[in-house]
Every structure is written in C-alpha cells, then in structure tokens.
Amino acid sequence: MDPTTITHSTATFFASLHLLTLLCLPILYFLSHALYQLFLSPLRDIPGPWYAAISDFWLTTHIARLQQCRAVHQLFETYGPIVRIGPYKVAFCDVAGARSVYSVKRFDKTAFYKGFQTNDHDHSMTILPKDLHGRHKKAFAPHYTMPSLTQFAPEMNQSVRELTTILDELAGRTSVDCLDLFRQLLVDIMSATSFGTKGSALAAWSRALDQKIDAAAADSNPLSTAIRDFPKRSILYVSAKVNETRTQILAGSAAVDADGENVEGRKKSMIARLLGGTGTDAKGHAELSDKDIISETMGHL
C-alpha cells in the first residue's frame, strides 16, 4: 500500500476520532450529571419529576411563560408538600418543613439573595450572616406582632371602607382592574403602618378613574409614585421620611414621643421603630444606621 495513502487514512481516522470525542463529551457529561442527580445527589430522595431533577430547563420554560407558580402548584398536588423542582431547588408548601428550614436548622442563605438589595445596601432579606440578620430582625419583628398590628386596625378599616365606597359609587358602570385597585389599598395601609401618615392612593386612583386618565400619569400620592419608580424615588421618599420622623422624635412633637412612639393610641410606625434601634446592643455592636433603616423600609415595601 502506498505510504501516502496510509498516512492520509491515519490522519482521517484521528480527525474523525477527535470529532467523535468532541461530540460525545457533552453527551457523557450530561449523562453523568443526570445519573448523579437521580441517584447520588443529597436531594435524590425528595419527590419530584425526574426531568426537573436533572436540569433547570423544565422550570425555566415555565418561568419564561409566567407559569412558574401554576406549574409548581401542580407538582405539589402530584407529589406532596415538599417537591424537587430543579437539580438544586426544592419548593415547600408545608408549615413544618418551612419552620425546619427557617427556624430550627436555619440553613445558610446563598449569594442569590444579594440580588434583592434595594439601595446597594443590605436589608433583612439579603443579609447572609445569621447573627447580623438576627440584630436586624430584632428591630422590626415586634412591629408584626398581633398587638402591634391591631393598633392600626382603625386605619386599615378606614382604607377598606374607602375602597368599598369607591366600588359602590362605580356601581358597575365601568370595569375595574382589581389588581391595581387592591394595590392602592395596600399602599394606603403601608402609609399608616410604615410611616404613620394618612395615605391618599385610593383617592388618587378614584380621581384618575373619574377623569378617564392613566392612574400612573396622574399619580399624586407620593408613596405610590415612589413604589412605581422603584428604587430611585423610593430611596428619596424613605430618606425624607427618616429625616422627618427623626425630627419629630427629637422635637417631642404631639404625634411622636421621645421613644418614637405615637402618643395618640401609643402606636409606633415601622420607621419610628427602626429609628429606635440606632444605638448599640449588649455586645457593643452598632444596630441600625440610616442606610440600614432606608434599606430595611424599602425591603418591606
């Protein structure tokens, strides 16, 4: 046989082998990854569809179509309250499981939560170290206790009555975007509970509806505007409220006493409560700076 032909055949063989190897490597990698996720992964015993266990592709397709919640809910109905929705993702619809994750075992957060920073600063949701998170939580947790929330029942009741009045006046004359309407209700409630001020989002929404103009374009409620243009205007709004509330506290105004507490009804808004935690703890750690308070309040919005 001609040596040139042998050399050419050998080169062709190795070229084909190289190409075949390049094609097989991704397949082998995927197969090994799939086998690991199905049989060796620490999450292997958690119920869920096999195709969700080996790849995020299934979940990503539902996220892209805005169907993630519905798809995960269907998995709960099929597999139970704890289900595996990705190679490294587990969804819970179980009180005991959630308590185990967040309270008993207190698993560490991943860097994923850093993506929820508001003013380039951490708040309770984005703080990773447990001890620092505990100090932040200690400042606002009393705000969400039942005794604290019931103090704002008159304001909540007034906002609900205002909403029902708006609907009664419309009397079915026009369609209503309930998602937007109830958003305005929550803005007014947040105005009272977070900042200690009377909200006007529902009134502004009603005026815009009567005038047949876009509520966003005619928005005269500063908190609604701040939330719509989040985070830029929210930073400005909350910063102004921090300074305003601190001035009231220092001045000992009729509305707020020296402890940041509303004298009328002894109510304490979220921002006043956070301003009450600007000292140091028992170990000498600084509690909450202005940036902490602004970021925490924005996180709750």
C-alpha atoms as a PDB file:
ATOM      1  CA  MET A   1       0.000   0.000   0.000  1.00  0.00           C
ATOM      2  CA  ASP A   2       1.193   3.472  -0.806  1.00  0.00           C
ATOM      3  CA  PRO A   3       2.671   5.132   2.347  1.00  0.00           C
ATOM      4  CA  THR A   4       0.950   8.367   1.347  1.00  0.00           C
ATOM      5  CA  THR A   5      -2.405   6.606   1.367  1.00  0.00           C
ATOM      6  CA  ILE A   6      -1.677   5.072   4.787  1.00  0.00           C
ATOM      7  CA  THR A   7      -0.708   8.461   6.187  1.00  0.00           C
ATOM      8  CA  HIS A   8      -3.846  10.056   4.770  1.00  0.00           C
ATOM      9  CA  SER A   9      -6.062   7.270   6.167  1.00  0.00           C
ATOM     10  CA  THR A  10      -4.445   7.577   9.587  1.00  0.00           C
ATOM     11  CA  ALA A  11      -4.940  11.341   9.615  1.00  0.00           C
ATOM     12  CA  THR A  12      -8.563  10.926   8.568  1.00  0.00           C
ATOM     13  CA  PHE A  13      -9.110   8.316  11.285  1.00  0.00           C
ATOM     14  CA  PHE A  14      -7.674  10.522  14.043  1.00  0.00           C
ATOM     15  CA  ALA A  15      -9.602  13.528  12.769  1.00  0.00           C
ATOM     16  CA  SER A  16     -12.821  11.519  12.854  1.00  0.00           C
ATOM     17  CA  LEU A  17     -11.946  10.182  16.304  1.00  0.00           C
ATOM     18  CA  HIS A  18     -11.273  13.713  17.535  1.00  0.00           C
ATOM     19  CA  LEU A  19     -14.606  14.925  16.149  1.00  0.00           C
ATOM     20  CA  LEU A  20     -16.418  11.953  17.664  1.00  0.00           C
ATOM     21  CA  THR A  21     -14.805  12.646  21.028  1.00  0.00           C
ATOM     22  CA  LEU A  22     -15.896  16.280  20.890  1.00  0.00           C
ATOM     23  CA  LEU A  23     -19.438  15.180  20.134  1.00  0.00           C
ATOM     24  CA  CYS A  24     -19.501  12.504  22.816  1.00  0.00           C
ATOM     25  CA  LEU A  25     -18.032  14.533  25.672  1.00  0.00           C
ATOM     26  CA  PRO A  26     -21.106  16.770  26.170  1.00  0.00           C
ATOM     27  CA  ILE A  27     -23.350  13.709  25.972  1.00  0.00           C
ATOM     28  CA  LEU A  28     -21.227  11.831  28.504  1.00  0.00           C
ATOM     29  CA  TYR A  29     -21.158  14.881  30.773  1.00  0.00           C
ATOM     30  CA  PHE A  30     -24.933  15.253  30.623  1.00  0.00           C
ATOM     31  CA  LEU A  31     -25.469  11.545  31.287  1.00  0.00           C
ATOM     32  CA  SER A  32     -23.087  11.540  34.245  1.00  0.00           C
ATOM     33  CA  HIS A  33     -24.730  14.705  35.598  1.00  0.00           C
ATOM     34  CA  ALA A  34     -28.190  13.152  35.207  1.00  0.00           C
ATOM     35  CA  LEU A  35     -27.127   9.925  36.925  1.00  0.00           C
ATOM     36  CA  TYR A  36     -25.587  11.885  39.789  1.00  0.00           C
ATOM     37  CA  GLN A  37     -28.719  13.998  40.297  1.00  0.00           C
ATOM     38  CA  LEU A  38     -31.018  10.971  40.164  1.00  0.00           C
ATOM     39  CA  PHE A  39     -29.041   8.501  42.273  1.00  0.00           C
ATOM     40  CA  LEU A  40     -26.226  10.226  44.216  1.00  0.00           C
ATOM     41  CA  SER A  41     -27.370  13.785  44.936  1.00  0.00           C
ATOM     42  CA  PRO A  42     -28.293  14.653  48.551  1.00  0.00           C
ATOM     43  CA  LEU A  43     -31.686  15.679  47.113  1.00  0.00           C
ATOM     44  CA  ARG A  44     -32.294  12.330  45.387  1.00  0.00           C
ATOM     45  CA  ASP A  45     -34.960  11.169  47.868  1.00  0.00           C
ATOM     46  CA  ILE A  46     -37.105  14.300  47.558  1.00  0.00           C
ATOM     47  CA  PRO A  47     -40.199  13.640  45.397  1.00  0.00           C
ATOM     48  CA  GLY A  48     -40.480  15.281  42.012  1.00  0.00           C
ATOM     49  CA  PRO A  49     -40.352  14.582  38.273  1.00  0.00           C
ATOM     50  CA  TRP A  50     -37.088  13.120  37.008  1.00  0.00           C
ATOM     51  CA  TYR A  51     -36.730  15.740  34.272  1.00  0.00           C
ATOM     52  CA  ALA A  52     -36.808  18.530  36.871  1.00  0.00           C
ATOM     53  CA  ALA A  53     -34.134  16.762  38.907  1.00  0.00           C
ATOM     54  CA  ILE A  54     -31.595  16.603  36.079  1.00  0.00           C
ATOM     55  CA  SER A  55     -31.976  20.070  34.557  1.00  0.00           C
ATOM     56  CA  ASP A  56     -33.382  23.564  35.154  1.00  0.00           C
ATOM     57  CA  PHE A  57     -34.728  23.589  31.591  1.00  0.00           C
ATOM     58  CA  TRP A  58     -38.235  22.483  32.612  1.00  0.00           C
ATOM     59  CA  LEU A  59     -38.550  25.195  35.262  1.00  0.00           C
ATOM     60  CA  THR A  60     -37.008  27.860  33.008  1.00  0.00           C
ATOM     61  CA  THR A  61     -39.597  27.244  30.285  1.00  0.00           C
ATOM     62  CA  HIS A  62     -42.396  27.855  32.789  1.00  0.00           C
ATOM     63  CA  ILE A  63     -40.699  30.961  34.170  1.00  0.00           C
ATOM     64  CA  ALA A  64     -40.376  32.363  30.641  1.00  0.00           C
ATOM     65  CA  ARG A  65     -44.120  31.803  30.093  1.00  0.00           C
ATOM     66  CA  LEU A  66     -45.010  33.292  33.519  1.00  0.00           C
ATOM     67  CA  GLN A  67     -46.401  29.926  34.625  1.00  0.00           C
ATOM     68  CA  GLN A  68     -43.954  29.026  37.387  1.00  0.00           C
ATOM     69  CA  CYS A  69     -46.455  29.267  40.268  1.00  0.00           C
ATOM     70  CA  ARG A  70     -49.065  27.186  38.458  1.00  0.00           C
ATOM     71  CA  ALA A  71     -46.520  24.539  37.447  1.00  0.00           C
ATOM     72  CA  VAL A  72     -45.083  24.227  40.958  1.00  0.00           C
ATOM     73  CA  HIS A  73     -48.607  24.072  42.415  1.00  0.00           C
ATOM     74  CA  GLN A  74     -49.391  21.145  40.113  1.00  0.00           C
ATOM     75  CA  LEU A  75     -46.277  19.386  41.413  1.00  0.00           C
ATOM     76  CA  PHE A  76     -47.488  19.918  44.986  1.00  0.00           C
ATOM     77  CA  GLU A  77     -50.798  18.290  44.072  1.00  0.00           C
ATOM     78  CA  THR A  78     -48.996  15.341  42.468  1.00  0.00           C
ATOM     79  CA  TYR A  79     -46.025  14.747  44.786  1.00  0.00           C
ATOM     80  CA  GLY A  80     -46.985  16.346  48.094  1.00  0.00           C
ATOM     81  CA  PRO A  81     -45.969  19.438  50.095  1.00  0.00           C
ATOM     82  CA  ILE A  82     -42.207  19.117  49.513  1.00  0.00           C
ATOM     83  CA  VAL A  83     -41.076  18.716  45.914  1.00  0.00           C
ATOM     84  CA  ARG A  84     -37.862  18.954  43.930  1.00  0.00           C
ATOM     85  CA  ILE A  85     -38.191  21.483  41.106  1.00  0.00           C
ATOM     86  CA  GLY A  86     -34.576  21.597  39.910  1.00  0.00           C
ATOM     87  CA  PRO A  87     -31.179  19.962  40.381  1.00  0.00           C
ATOM     88  CA  TYR A  88     -30.516  22.246  43.351  1.00  0.00           C
ATOM     89  CA  LYS A  89     -34.005  23.617  44.080  1.00  0.00           C
ATOM     90  CA  VAL A  90     -36.679  22.392  46.491  1.00  0.00           C
ATOM     91  CA  ALA A  91     -40.112  24.010  46.932  1.00  0.00           C
ATOM     92  CA  PHE A  92     -42.043  23.846  50.221  1.00  0.00           C
ATOM     93  CA  CYS A  93     -45.775  24.103  50.839  1.00  0.00           C
ATOM     94  CA  ASP A  94     -45.562  22.751  54.347  1.00  0.00           C
ATOM     95  CA  VAL A  95     -45.543  24.595  57.676  1.00  0.00           C
ATOM     96  CA  ALA A  96     -43.334  22.051  59.431  1.00  0.00           C
ATOM     97  CA  GLY A  97     -40.867  21.994  56.532  1.00  0.00           C
ATOM     98  CA  ALA A  98     -40.675  25.775  56.326  1.00  0.00           C
ATOM     99  CA  ARG A  99     -40.184  26.004  60.089  1.00  0.00           C
ATOM    100  CA  SER A 100     -37.374  23.462  59.870  1.00  0.00           C
ATOM    101  CA  VAL A 101     -35.618  25.419  57.114  1.00  0.00           C
ATOM    102  CA  TYR A 102     -36.009  28.918  58.542  1.00  0.00           C
ATOM    103  CA  SER A 103     -36.252  28.440  62.312  1.00  0.00           C
ATOM    104  CA  VAL A 104     -34.953  25.068  63.502  1.00  0.00           C
ATOM    105  CA  LYS A 105     -31.995  24.241  61.258  1.00  0.00           C
ATOM    106  CA  ARG A 106     -31.645  27.821  59.995  1.00  0.00           C
ATOM    107  CA  PHE A 107     -29.916  26.942  56.744  1.00  0.00           C
ATOM    108  CA  ASP A 108     -27.438  29.461  55.378  1.00  0.00           C
ATOM    109  CA  LYS A 109     -28.599  31.738  52.583  1.00  0.00           C
ATOM    110  CA  THR A 110     -26.790  31.685  49.260  1.00  0.00           C
ATOM    111  CA  ALA A 111     -25.462  34.712  47.374  1.00  0.00           C
ATOM    112  CA  PHE A 112     -28.672  34.556  45.289  1.00  0.00           C
ATOM    113  CA  TYR A 113     -30.361  36.769  47.899  1.00  0.00           C
ATOM    114  CA  LYS A 114     -27.870  39.582  47.260  1.00  0.00           C
ATOM    115  CA  GLY A 115     -29.760  40.272  44.043  1.00  0.00           C
ATOM    116  CA  PHE A 116     -32.615  41.737  46.119  1.00  0.00           C
ATOM    117  CA  GLN A 117     -30.625  44.648  47.528  1.00  0.00           C
ATOM    118  CA  THR A 118     -32.567  47.903  47.269  1.00  0.00           C
ATOM    119  CA  ASN A 119     -30.213  50.873  47.660  1.00  0.00           C
ATOM    120  CA  ASP A 120     -26.966  48.936  47.149  1.00  0.00           C
ATOM    121  CA  HIS A 121     -27.226  48.072  50.818  1.00  0.00           C
ATOM    122  CA  ASP A 122     -28.355  45.011  52.743  1.00  0.00           C
ATOM    123  CA  HIS A 123     -31.698  44.546  54.461  1.00  0.00           C
ATOM    124  CA  SER A 124     -33.011  41.543  56.395  1.00  0.00           C
ATOM    125  CA  MET A 125     -33.721  39.504  53.263  1.00  0.00           C
ATOM    126  CA  THR A 126     -30.236  39.982  51.771  1.00  0.00           C
ATOM    127  CA  ILE A 127     -28.133  39.677  54.937  1.00  0.00           C
ATOM    128  CA  LEU A 128     -26.306  36.345  54.876  1.00  0.00           C
ATOM    129  CA  PRO A 129     -24.620  36.104  58.337  1.00  0.00           C
ATOM    130  CA  LYS A 130     -27.137  34.796  60.863  1.00  0.00           C
ATOM    131  CA  ASP A 131     -26.004  36.972  63.785  1.00  0.00           C
ATOM    132  CA  LEU A 132     -26.285  40.191  61.770  1.00  0.00           C
ATOM    133  CA  HIS A 133     -29.657  39.105  60.389  1.00  0.00           C
ATOM    134  CA  GLY A 134     -30.831  38.459  63.940  1.00  0.00           C
ATOM    135  CA  ARG A 135     -29.954  42.014  65.027  1.00  0.00           C
ATOM    136  CA  HIS A 136     -31.888  43.471  62.097  1.00  0.00           C
ATOM    137  CA  LYS A 137     -34.871  41.209  62.690  1.00  0.00           C
ATOM    138  CA  LYS A 138     -34.938  42.156  66.358  1.00  0.00           C
ATOM    139  CA  ALA A 139     -35.530  45.780  65.352  1.00  0.00           C
ATOM    140  CA  PHE A 140     -38.648  45.202  63.229  1.00  0.00           C
ATOM    141  CA  ALA A 141     -40.125  41.862  64.380  1.00  0.00           C
ATOM    142  CA  PRO A 142     -42.252  43.453  67.169  1.00  0.00           C
ATOM    143  CA  HIS A 143     -43.969  45.557  64.501  1.00  0.00           C
ATOM    144  CA  TYR A 144     -45.640  42.442  63.066  1.00  0.00           C
ATOM    145  CA  THR A 145     -46.966  41.029  66.315  1.00  0.00           C
ATOM    146  CA  MET A 146     -50.739  40.938  66.693  1.00  0.00           C
ATOM    147  CA  PRO A 147     -50.848  43.556  69.496  1.00  0.00           C
ATOM    148  CA  SER A 148     -48.884  45.973  67.305  1.00  0.00           C
ATOM    149  CA  LEU A 149     -50.913  45.399  64.144  1.00  0.00           C
ATOM    150  CA  THR A 150     -54.261  45.670  65.912  1.00  0.00           C
ATOM    151  CA  GLN A 151     -53.317  49.196  66.930  1.00  0.00           C
ATOM    152  CA  PHE A 152     -53.570  50.118  63.258  1.00  0.00           C
ATOM    153  CA  ALA A 153     -56.993  48.489  62.853  1.00  0.00           C
ATOM    154  CA  PRO A 154     -58.813  51.861  62.623  1.00  0.00           C
ATOM    155  CA  GLU A 155     -56.610  52.988  59.723  1.00  0.00           C
ATOM    156  CA  MET A 156     -56.982  49.639  57.957  1.00  0.00           C
ATOM    157  CA  ASN A 157     -60.736  49.705  58.478  1.00  0.00           C
ATOM    158  CA  GLN A 158     -60.934  53.245  57.114  1.00  0.00           C
ATOM    159  CA  SER A 159     -58.998  52.255  53.982  1.00  0.00           C
ATOM    160  CA  VAL A 160     -61.261  49.241  53.385  1.00  0.00           C
ATOM    161  CA  ARG A 161     -64.349  51.421  53.827  1.00  0.00           C
ATOM    162  CA  GLU A 162     -62.925  53.896  51.332  1.00  0.00           C
ATOM    163  CA  LEU A 163     -62.403  51.071  48.829  1.00  0.00           C
ATOM    164  CA  THR A 164     -65.961  49.777  49.226  1.00  0.00           C
ATOM    165  CA  THR A 165     -67.289  53.325  48.838  1.00  0.00           C
ATOM    166  CA  ILE A 166     -65.414  53.676  45.547  1.00  0.00           C
ATOM    167  CA  LEU A 167     -66.896  50.408  44.276  1.00  0.00           C
ATOM    168  CA  ASP A 168     -70.389  51.416  45.407  1.00  0.00           C
ATOM    169  CA  GLU A 169     -70.095  54.719  43.558  1.00  0.00           C
ATOM    170  CA  LEU A 170     -68.947  52.962  40.388  1.00  0.00           C
ATOM    171  CA  ALA A 171     -71.972  50.650  40.646  1.00  0.00           C
ATOM    172  CA  GLY A 172     -70.752  48.515  37.760  1.00  0.00           C
ATOM    173  CA  ARG A 173     -70.612  51.447  35.325  1.00  0.00           C
ATOM    174  CA  THR A 174     -67.102  50.529  34.253  1.00  0.00           C
ATOM    175  CA  SER A 175     -64.660  47.665  34.597  1.00  0.00           C
ATOM    176  CA  VAL A 176     -62.081  47.824  37.367  1.00  0.00           C
ATOM    177  CA  ASP A 177     -58.545  46.473  37.420  1.00  0.00           C
ATOM    178  CA  CYS A 178     -58.770  44.805  40.823  1.00  0.00           C
ATOM    179  CA  LEU A 179     -55.046  44.084  40.929  1.00  0.00           C
ATOM    180  CA  ASP A 180     -54.318  47.807  40.652  1.00  0.00           C
ATOM    181  CA  LEU A 181     -57.164  48.785  42.989  1.00  0.00           C
ATOM    182  CA  PHE A 182     -56.074  46.493  45.808  1.00  0.00           C
ATOM    183  CA  ARG A 183     -52.515  47.654  45.291  1.00  0.00           C
ATOM    184  CA  GLN A 184     -53.687  51.188  46.148  1.00  0.00           C
ATOM    185  CA  LEU A 185     -55.390  49.785  49.248  1.00  0.00           C
ATOM    186  CA  LEU A 186     -52.118  48.253  50.397  1.00  0.00           C
ATOM    187  CA  VAL A 187     -50.235  51.487  49.676  1.00  0.00           C
ATOM    188  CA  ASP A 188     -52.597  53.384  51.988  1.00  0.00           C
ATOM    189  CA  ILE A 189     -52.244  50.724  54.688  1.00  0.00           C
ATOM    190  CA  MET A 190     -48.451  50.820  54.329  1.00  0.00           C
ATOM    191  CA  SER A 191     -48.559  54.607  54.665  1.00  0.00           C
ATOM    192  CA  ALA A 192     -50.159  54.201  58.084  1.00  0.00           C
ATOM    193  CA  THR A 193     -48.201  51.215  59.385  1.00  0.00           C
ATOM    194  CA  SER A 194     -44.768  52.035  57.966  1.00  0.00           C
ATOM    195  CA  PHE A 195     -44.707  55.833  58.101  1.00  0.00           C
ATOM    196  CA  GLY A 196     -47.515  56.866  60.432  1.00  0.00           C
ATOM    197  CA  THR A 197     -49.163  59.043  57.773  1.00  0.00           C
ATOM    198  CA  LYS A 198     -52.580  59.014  56.142  1.00  0.00           C
ATOM    199  CA  GLY A 199     -52.476  57.533  52.654  1.00  0.00           C
ATOM    200  CA  SER A 200     -54.142  59.024  49.595  1.00  0.00           C
ATOM    201  CA  ALA A 201     -53.512  56.352  46.968  1.00  0.00           C
ATOM    202  CA  LEU A 202     -57.139  55.196  46.784  1.00  0.00           C
ATOM    203  CA  ALA A 203     -58.403  58.762  46.439  1.00  0.00           C
ATOM    204  CA  ALA A 204     -55.883  59.498  43.665  1.00  0.00           C
ATOM    205  CA  TRP A 205     -56.836  56.278  41.864  1.00  0.00           C
ATOM    206  CA  SER A 206     -60.540  57.147  42.073  1.00  0.00           C
ATOM    207  CA  ARG A 207     -59.971  60.655  40.692  1.00  0.00           C
ATOM    208  CA  ALA A 208     -57.953  59.262  37.791  1.00  0.00           C
ATOM    209  CA  LEU A 209     -60.728  56.780  37.012  1.00  0.00           C
ATOM    210  CA  ASP A 210     -63.368  59.524  37.039  1.00  0.00           C
ATOM    211  CA  GLN A 211     -61.262  61.680  34.718  1.00  0.00           C
ATOM    212  CA  LYS A 212     -60.547  58.684  32.455  1.00  0.00           C
ATOM    213  CA  ILE A 213     -56.788  59.166  32.632  1.00  0.00           C
ATOM    214  CA  ASP A 214     -53.971  56.787  33.447  1.00  0.00           C
ATOM    215  CA  ALA A 215     -53.576  56.480  37.205  1.00  0.00           C
ATOM    216  CA  ALA A 216     -49.794  56.305  36.883  1.00  0.00           C
ATOM    217  CA  ALA A 217     -49.642  59.526  34.870  1.00  0.00           C
ATOM    218  CA  ALA A 218     -51.926  61.363  37.300  1.00  0.00           C
ATOM    219  CA  ASP A 219     -50.435  59.825  40.446  1.00  0.00           C
ATOM    220  CA  SER A 220     -50.454  62.480  43.153  1.00  0.00           C
ATOM    221  CA  ASN A 221     -49.739  60.085  46.018  1.00  0.00           C
ATOM    222  CA  PRO A 222     -46.017  60.319  46.844  1.00  0.00           C
ATOM    223  CA  LEU A 223     -45.714  56.763  48.160  1.00  0.00           C
ATOM    224  CA  SER A 224     -47.407  55.330  45.058  1.00  0.00           C
ATOM    225  CA  THR A 225     -45.028  57.348  42.896  1.00  0.00           C
ATOM    226  CA  ALA A 226     -42.064  56.103  44.922  1.00  0.00           C
ATOM    227  CA  ILE A 227     -43.145  52.473  44.533  1.00  0.00           C
ATOM    228  CA  ARG A 228     -43.814  52.855  40.805  1.00  0.00           C
ATOM    229  CA  ASP A 229     -40.316  54.263  40.279  1.00  0.00           C
ATOM    230  CA  PHE A 230     -38.550  51.725  42.493  1.00  0.00           C
ATOM    231  CA  PRO A 231     -35.827  52.006  43.695  1.00  0.00           C
ATOM    232  CA  LYS A 232     -34.782  55.541  42.645  1.00  0.00           C
ATOM    233  CA  ARG A 233     -37.738  57.505  44.031  1.00  0.00           C
ATOM    234  CA  SER A 234     -38.227  55.061  46.873  1.00  0.00           C
ATOM    235  CA  ILE A 235     -34.776  55.928  48.195  1.00  0.00           C
ATOM    236  CA  LEU A 236     -35.628  59.636  48.083  1.00  0.00           C
ATOM    237  CA  TYR A 237     -39.047  59.135  49.687  1.00  0.00           C
ATOM    238  CA  VAL A 238     -37.861  56.886  52.516  1.00  0.00           C
ATOM    239  CA  SER A 239     -34.802  59.082  53.166  1.00  0.00           C
ATOM    240  CA  ALA A 240     -37.070  62.101  53.561  1.00  0.00           C
ATOM    241  CA  LYS A 241     -39.345  60.144  55.909  1.00  0.00           C
ATOM    242  CA  VAL A 242     -36.362  59.077  58.037  1.00  0.00           C
ATOM    243  CA  ASN A 243     -35.294  62.694  58.476  1.00  0.00           C
ATOM    244  CA  GLU A 244     -38.867  63.851  59.085  1.00  0.00           C
ATOM    245  CA  THR A 245     -39.570  61.177  61.702  1.00  0.00           C
ATOM    246  CA  ARG A 246     -36.245  61.756  63.451  1.00  0.00           C
ATOM    247  CA  THR A 247     -37.026  65.471  63.640  1.00  0.00           C
ATOM    248  CA  GLN A 248     -40.398  64.663  65.206  1.00  0.00           C
ATOM    249  CA  ILE A 249     -38.783  62.342  67.727  1.00  0.00           C
ATOM    250  CA  LEU A 250     -36.114  64.864  68.715  1.00  0.00           C
ATOM    251  CA  ALA A 251     -38.649  67.675  68.900  1.00  0.00           C
ATOM    252  CA  GLY A 252     -41.020  65.577  71.014  1.00  0.00           C
ATOM    253  CA  SER A 253     -43.949  66.572  68.813  1.00  0.00           C
ATOM    254  CA  ALA A 254     -47.570  65.937  69.723  1.00  0.00           C
ATOM    255  CA  ALA A 255     -47.644  62.979  67.352  1.00  0.00           C
ATOM    256  CA  VAL A 256     -44.464  61.202  68.412  1.00  0.00           C
ATOM    257  CA  ASP A 257     -42.810  60.968  71.809  1.00  0.00           C
ATOM    258  CA  ALA A 258     -39.108  60.680  72.628  1.00  0.00           C
ATOM    259  CA  ASP A 259     -39.157  56.902  72.067  1.00  0.00           C
ATOM    260  CA  GLY A 260     -40.542  57.256  68.551  1.00  0.00           C
ATOM    261  CA  GLU A 261     -43.994  56.162  69.687  1.00  0.00           C
ATOM    262  CA  ASN A 262     -47.243  57.725  68.572  1.00  0.00           C
ATOM    263  CA  VAL A 263     -48.779  59.217  71.678  1.00  0.00           C
ATOM    264  CA  GLU A 264     -52.295  59.014  70.273  1.00  0.00           C
ATOM    265  CA  GLY A 265     -53.095  55.335  70.761  1.00  0.00           C
ATOM    266  CA  ARG A 266     -49.425  54.577  71.594  1.00  0.00           C
ATOM    267  CA  LYS A 267     -48.779  53.434  68.039  1.00  0.00           C
ATOM    268  CA  LYS A 268     -45.300  53.017  66.660  1.00  0.00           C
ATOM    269  CA  SER A 269     -44.807  53.069  62.901  1.00  0.00           C
ATOM    270  CA  MET A 270     -42.215  50.854  61.259  1.00  0.00           C
ATOM    271  CA  ILE A 271     -39.824  53.708  60.548  1.00  0.00           C
ATOM    272  CA  ALA A 272     -40.131  55.091  64.091  1.00  0.00           C
ATOM    273  CA  ARG A 273     -39.490  51.610  65.466  1.00  0.00           C
ATOM    274  CA  LEU A 274     -36.359  51.247  63.339  1.00  0.00           C
ATOM    275  CA  LEU A 275     -35.143  54.676  64.420  1.00  0.00           C
ATOM    276  CA  GLY A 276     -35.441  53.416  67.973  1.00  0.00           C
ATOM    277  CA  GLY A 277     -32.759  50.832  67.206  1.00  0.00           C
ATOM    278  CA  THR A 278     -29.933  53.183  66.236  1.00  0.00           C
ATOM    279  CA  GLY A 279     -27.876  52.671  69.385  1.00  0.00           C
ATOM    280  CA  THR A 280     -25.682  49.690  70.284  1.00  0.00           C
ATOM    281  CA  ASP A 281     -26.573  46.249  71.541  1.00  0.00           C
ATOM    282  CA  ALA A 282     -25.317  44.472  74.662  1.00  0.00           C
ATOM    283  CA  LYS A 283     -22.112  43.459  72.875  1.00  0.00           C
ATOM    284  CA  GLY A 284     -21.398  46.987  71.679  1.00  0.00           C
ATOM    285  CA  HIS A 285     -22.360  46.328  68.057  1.00  0.00           C
ATOM    286  CA  ALA A 286     -23.864  49.240  66.166  1.00  0.00           C
ATOM    287  CA  GLU A 287     -27.502  48.428  65.495  1.00  0.00           C
ATOM    288  CA  LEU A 288     -29.057  50.359  62.621  1.00  0.00           C
ATOM    289  CA  SER A 289     -27.527  53.160  60.572  1.00  0.00           C
ATOM    290  CA  ASP A 290     -29.584  55.453  58.346  1.00  0.00           C
ATOM    291  CA  LYS A 291     -28.681  53.305  55.336  1.00  0.00           C
ATOM    292  CA  ASP A 292     -29.847  50.235  57.254  1.00  0.00           C
ATOM    293  CA  ILE A 293     -33.180  51.890  58.063  1.00  0.00           C
ATOM    294  CA  ILE A 294     -33.728  53.119  54.498  1.00  0.00           C
ATOM    295  CA  SER A 295     -32.868  49.738  53.008  1.00  0.00           C
ATOM    296  CA  GLU A 296     -34.973  47.808  55.543  1.00  0.00           C
ATOM    297  CA  THR A 297     -38.012  50.008  54.973  1.00  0.00           C
ATOM    298  CA  MET A 298     -37.658  49.710  51.194  1.00  0.00           C
ATOM    299  CA  GLY A 299     -37.373  45.952  51.553  1.00  0.00           C
ATOM    300  CA  HIS A 300     -40.693  45.847  53.405  1.00  0.00           C
ATOM    301  CA  LEU A 301     -42.332  47.970  50.713  1.00  0.00           C
END
